[in-house]
N, C-alpha and C. Protein backbone atom coordinates (compact mmCIF):
# COMPACT_ATOMS: atom_id res chain seq x y z
N UNK A 1 0.80 -1.36 -0.20
CA UNK A 1 -0.14 -0.11 0.18
C UNK A 1 0.74 1.07 0.22
N UNK A 2 0.46 2.07 -0.94
CA UNK A 2 1.57 3.44 -1.05
C UNK A 2 0.52 4.54 -0.40
N UNK A 3 1.35 5.14 0.66
CA UNK A 3 0.69 6.37 1.09
C UNK A 3 1.20 7.93 0.48
N UNK A 4 0.72 8.56 0.31
CA UNK A 4 0.91 10.07 -0.11
C UNK A 4 0.48 10.87 0.53
N UNK A 5 1.61 11.75 1.17
CA UNK A 5 1.01 13.00 1.96
C UNK A 5 2.44 13.76 1.99
N UNK A 6 2.01 14.98 2.43
CA UNK A 6 3.05 16.20 2.49
C UNK A 6 2.99 16.68 4.17
N UNK A 7 4.03 16.97 4.64
CA UNK A 7 3.97 17.67 5.80
C UNK A 7 4.71 18.80 5.47
N UNK A 8 4.39 19.97 6.13
CA UNK A 8 4.62 21.05 6.40
C UNK A 8 5.05 21.21 7.76
N UNK A 9 6.54 21.39 7.71
CA UNK A 9 7.13 21.01 9.08
C UNK A 9 7.14 22.00 9.96
N UNK A 10 6.95 23.19 9.63
CA UNK A 10 7.02 24.24 10.55
C UNK A 10 5.60 24.35 11.39
N UNK A 11 4.58 24.15 10.44
CA UNK A 11 3.26 24.01 11.17
C UNK A 11 2.63 22.97 11.71
N UNK A 12 3.29 21.74 10.99
CA UNK A 12 2.77 20.47 11.50
C UNK A 12 1.74 19.76 10.59
N UNK A 13 1.15 20.85 9.64
CA UNK A 13 0.31 20.28 8.87
C UNK A 13 0.35 19.46 7.94
N UNK A 14 -0.48 18.63 7.60
CA UNK A 14 -0.29 17.25 6.87
C UNK A 14 -1.64 16.92 5.76
N UNK A 15 -1.11 17.22 4.57
CA UNK A 15 -2.02 16.87 3.66
C UNK A 15 -1.79 15.47 3.00
N UNK A 16 -2.77 14.78 2.86
CA UNK A 16 -2.88 13.54 2.33
C UNK A 16 -3.30 12.52 3.18
N UNK A 17 -3.66 11.38 2.52
CA UNK A 17 -4.07 10.09 3.47
C UNK A 17 -2.84 9.47 3.83
N UNK A 18 -2.79 8.67 5.04
CA UNK A 18 -4.06 8.74 5.67
C UNK A 18 -3.90 9.83 7.10
N UNK A 19 -2.70 10.72 7.08
CA UNK A 19 -2.67 11.65 8.14
C UNK A 19 -3.25 13.01 8.10
N UNK A 20 -4.21 13.16 7.16
CA UNK A 20 -4.61 14.46 6.75
C UNK A 20 -5.17 15.20 8.04
N UNK A 21 -4.55 16.48 8.38
CA UNK A 21 -5.08 17.00 9.80
C UNK A 21 -5.34 18.52 9.43
N UNK A 22 -5.88 19.02 8.13
CA UNK A 22 -6.12 20.39 8.00
C UNK A 22 -6.99 20.89 8.97
N UNK A 23 -7.49 22.02 9.25
CA UNK A 23 -8.57 22.11 10.06
C UNK A 23 -10.00 21.86 9.49
N UNK A 24 -10.06 21.81 8.26
CA UNK A 24 -11.54 21.24 7.33
C UNK A 24 -11.89 19.73 8.06
N UNK A 25 -10.80 19.14 8.41
CA UNK A 25 -11.06 17.68 8.81
C UNK A 25 -11.63 17.54 10.62
N UNK A 26 -11.64 18.91 11.30
CA UNK A 26 -12.71 18.69 12.34
C UNK A 26 -11.01 18.87 13.80
N UNK A 27 -10.03 18.94 12.78
CA UNK A 27 -9.12 18.94 13.85
C UNK A 27 -8.90 20.21 14.91
N UNK A 28 -8.51 19.91 16.21
CA UNK A 28 -8.68 21.01 17.05
C UNK A 28 -7.43 21.46 17.23
N UNK A 29 -6.20 20.88 17.31
CA UNK A 29 -4.87 21.63 17.43
C UNK A 29 -3.81 20.71 16.88
N UNK A 30 -3.21 21.24 16.30
CA UNK A 30 -1.83 20.52 15.66
C UNK A 30 -0.59 20.84 16.65
N UNK A 31 0.33 20.07 17.27
CA UNK A 31 1.50 20.53 17.71
C UNK A 31 2.99 19.85 17.34
N UNK A 32 3.42 20.59 16.83
CA UNK A 32 4.75 20.09 16.52
C UNK A 32 5.65 19.78 17.82
N UNK A 33 5.82 18.70 18.16
CA UNK A 33 6.83 18.25 19.50
C UNK A 33 8.13 18.40 19.29
N UNK A 34 8.68 18.16 17.94
CA UNK A 34 10.22 18.17 17.94
C UNK A 34 10.08 18.51 16.15
N UNK A 35 10.83 19.52 15.90
CA UNK A 35 11.01 19.77 14.58
C UNK A 35 12.05 18.68 13.81
N UNK A 36 12.89 18.04 14.47
CA UNK A 36 13.78 17.16 14.12
C UNK A 36 15.51 17.69 13.54
N UNK A 37 16.11 16.91 13.75
CA UNK A 37 17.72 17.22 13.35
C UNK A 37 18.33 15.86 13.11
N UNK A 38 19.79 16.28 13.35
CA UNK A 38 20.42 15.09 13.10
C UNK A 38 20.66 14.04 14.17
N UNK A 39 19.84 14.65 15.22
CA UNK A 39 19.62 13.61 16.27
C UNK A 39 18.48 13.42 17.00
N UNK A 40 17.34 13.90 16.22
CA UNK A 40 16.04 13.78 16.79
C UNK A 40 15.01 13.66 15.52
N UNK A 41 13.78 12.82 15.72
CA UNK A 41 12.84 12.74 14.92
C UNK A 41 11.80 14.03 14.79
N UNK A 42 11.82 14.31 13.79
CA UNK A 42 10.28 15.32 13.61
C UNK A 42 9.22 14.55 14.10
N UNK A 43 8.78 15.37 14.95
CA UNK A 43 7.22 14.27 15.93
C UNK A 43 6.08 15.33 15.72
N UNK A 44 5.07 15.23 15.36
CA UNK A 44 3.57 15.94 15.60
C UNK A 44 2.65 15.29 16.09
N UNK A 45 1.42 15.86 16.86
CA UNK A 45 0.53 15.18 17.23
C UNK A 45 -0.72 16.19 16.78
N UNK A 46 -1.75 15.57 16.57
CA UNK A 46 -2.85 16.14 15.95
C UNK A 46 -4.04 15.76 16.61
N UNK A 47 -4.73 16.83 17.38
CA UNK A 47 -6.01 16.49 18.48
C UNK A 47 -7.33 16.81 17.91
N UNK A 48 -8.31 15.98 17.58
CA UNK A 48 -9.46 16.29 17.02
C UNK A 48 -10.55 15.80 17.99
N UNK A 49 -11.52 16.97 18.39
CA UNK A 49 -12.53 17.16 19.61
C UNK A 49 -13.87 16.97 18.99
N UNK A 50 -14.80 16.04 18.63
CA UNK A 50 -15.73 16.06 18.30
C UNK A 50 -16.42 15.72 19.54
N UNK A 51 -17.61 14.41 18.91
CA UNK A 51 -18.21 13.83 20.05
C UNK A 51 -17.41 12.77 20.68
N UNK A 52 -16.20 12.43 20.43
CA UNK A 52 -15.29 11.99 21.04
C UNK A 52 -13.81 12.49 20.49
N UNK A 53 -12.60 12.32 21.68
CA UNK A 53 -11.52 12.98 21.25
C UNK A 53 -10.44 11.66 20.72
N UNK A 54 -9.84 12.08 19.61
CA UNK A 54 -8.89 11.27 18.79
C UNK A 54 -7.90 11.87 18.57
N UNK A 55 -6.67 10.97 19.05
CA UNK A 55 -5.30 11.77 18.58
C UNK A 55 -4.47 10.85 17.40
N UNK A 56 -3.80 11.57 16.96
CA UNK A 56 -2.89 11.15 15.62
C UNK A 56 -1.80 11.35 15.91
N UNK A 57 -0.77 10.53 15.58
CA UNK A 57 0.52 11.01 15.71
C UNK A 57 1.55 10.85 14.47
N UNK A 58 2.58 11.23 14.19
CA UNK A 58 3.27 11.18 12.80
C UNK A 58 4.88 11.69 13.44
N UNK A 59 5.73 10.38 13.44
CA UNK A 59 7.13 10.92 13.63
C UNK A 59 7.76 10.53 12.43
N UNK A 60 8.91 11.44 11.89
CA UNK A 60 9.73 10.89 10.83
C UNK A 60 11.36 10.99 11.23
N UNK A 61 11.95 10.12 10.97
CA UNK A 61 13.36 9.91 11.69
C UNK A 61 14.04 10.70 10.60
N UNK A 62 14.41 11.96 10.98
CA UNK A 62 15.09 13.02 10.34
C UNK A 62 16.52 12.63 10.54
N UNK A 63 16.98 12.24 11.47
CA UNK A 63 18.41 11.72 11.63
C UNK A 63 18.61 10.62 11.08
N UNK A 64 18.36 9.95 10.11
CA UNK A 64 19.00 8.66 9.49
C UNK A 64 19.31 9.53 8.26
N UNK A 65 20.64 9.21 7.98
CA UNK A 65 21.74 9.69 7.02
C UNK A 65 21.27 9.12 5.73
N UNK A 66 20.28 9.41 5.32
CA UNK A 66 19.55 8.97 3.87
C UNK A 66 18.59 9.71 3.48
N UNK A 67 18.34 9.55 1.94
CA UNK A 67 17.19 10.87 1.33
C UNK A 67 15.77 10.00 1.78
N UNK A 68 15.79 8.83 1.87
CA UNK A 68 14.74 8.14 2.64
C UNK A 68 14.64 8.03 3.99
N UNK A 69 13.88 8.70 4.65
CA UNK A 69 13.49 8.72 6.24
C UNK A 69 12.19 7.68 6.26
N UNK A 70 12.82 6.73 7.78
CA UNK A 70 11.73 6.21 8.18
C UNK A 70 10.66 6.93 8.83
N UNK A 71 9.11 6.22 8.65
CA UNK A 71 8.26 7.26 9.19
C UNK A 71 7.21 6.15 10.04
N UNK A 72 6.81 6.77 11.06
CA UNK A 72 5.67 5.81 12.07
C UNK A 72 4.59 6.69 12.26
N UNK A 73 3.43 6.39 12.13
CA UNK A 73 2.22 7.32 12.15
C UNK A 73 0.84 6.35 12.59
N UNK A 74 0.37 7.01 13.45
CA UNK A 74 -0.51 6.27 14.05
C UNK A 74 -2.24 6.93 14.01
N UNK A 75 -3.21 6.59 13.27
CA UNK A 75 -4.33 7.57 13.08
C UNK A 75 -5.55 6.45 13.08
N UNK A 76 -6.21 6.89 13.86
CA UNK A 76 -7.78 6.08 13.86
C UNK A 76 -7.43 4.66 14.32
N UNK A 77 -6.41 4.49 15.25
CA UNK A 77 -5.89 3.24 15.82
C UNK A 77 -5.74 2.30 14.68
N UNK A 78 -4.94 2.83 13.62
CA UNK A 78 -4.02 2.23 12.85
C UNK A 78 -2.64 2.67 12.69
N UNK A 79 -1.78 1.72 12.67
CA UNK A 79 -0.25 1.96 12.36
C UNK A 79 0.22 1.85 11.09
N UNK A 80 0.86 2.88 10.64
CA UNK A 80 1.51 3.03 9.43
C UNK A 80 2.89 3.16 9.46
N UNK A 81 3.72 2.43 8.72
CA UNK A 81 5.15 2.97 8.99
C UNK A 81 5.68 2.65 7.44
N UNK A 82 6.87 3.11 7.32
CA UNK A 82 7.55 2.78 5.97
C UNK A 82 8.39 4.00 5.79
N UNK A 83 9.01 4.35 4.61
CA UNK A 83 10.02 5.65 4.19
C UNK A 83 9.34 6.52 3.06
N UNK A 84 9.99 7.97 3.54
CA UNK A 84 9.21 9.09 2.81
C UNK A 84 10.72 10.01 2.41
N UNK A 85 10.37 10.61 1.70
CA UNK A 85 11.22 11.80 1.12
C UNK A 85 11.03 12.96 1.70
């Protein structure tokens, strides 16, 4: 399964499935926990509050010395992993 998404690192906004977190999708807050470096992963949390509260998490391992960076994402109780550019 190929995932196609774009991350705006400055704001934490994610466009594309399955991590889409623009305000039109009901997201309440987007928080970049770490912008990533050669020692740390980029990490963003998206919180959705409606009748229920749900939380999405995306981590991209910026510290990996390659153009392809491993990622891990959790959304709607599903876990995704792979590499991205």
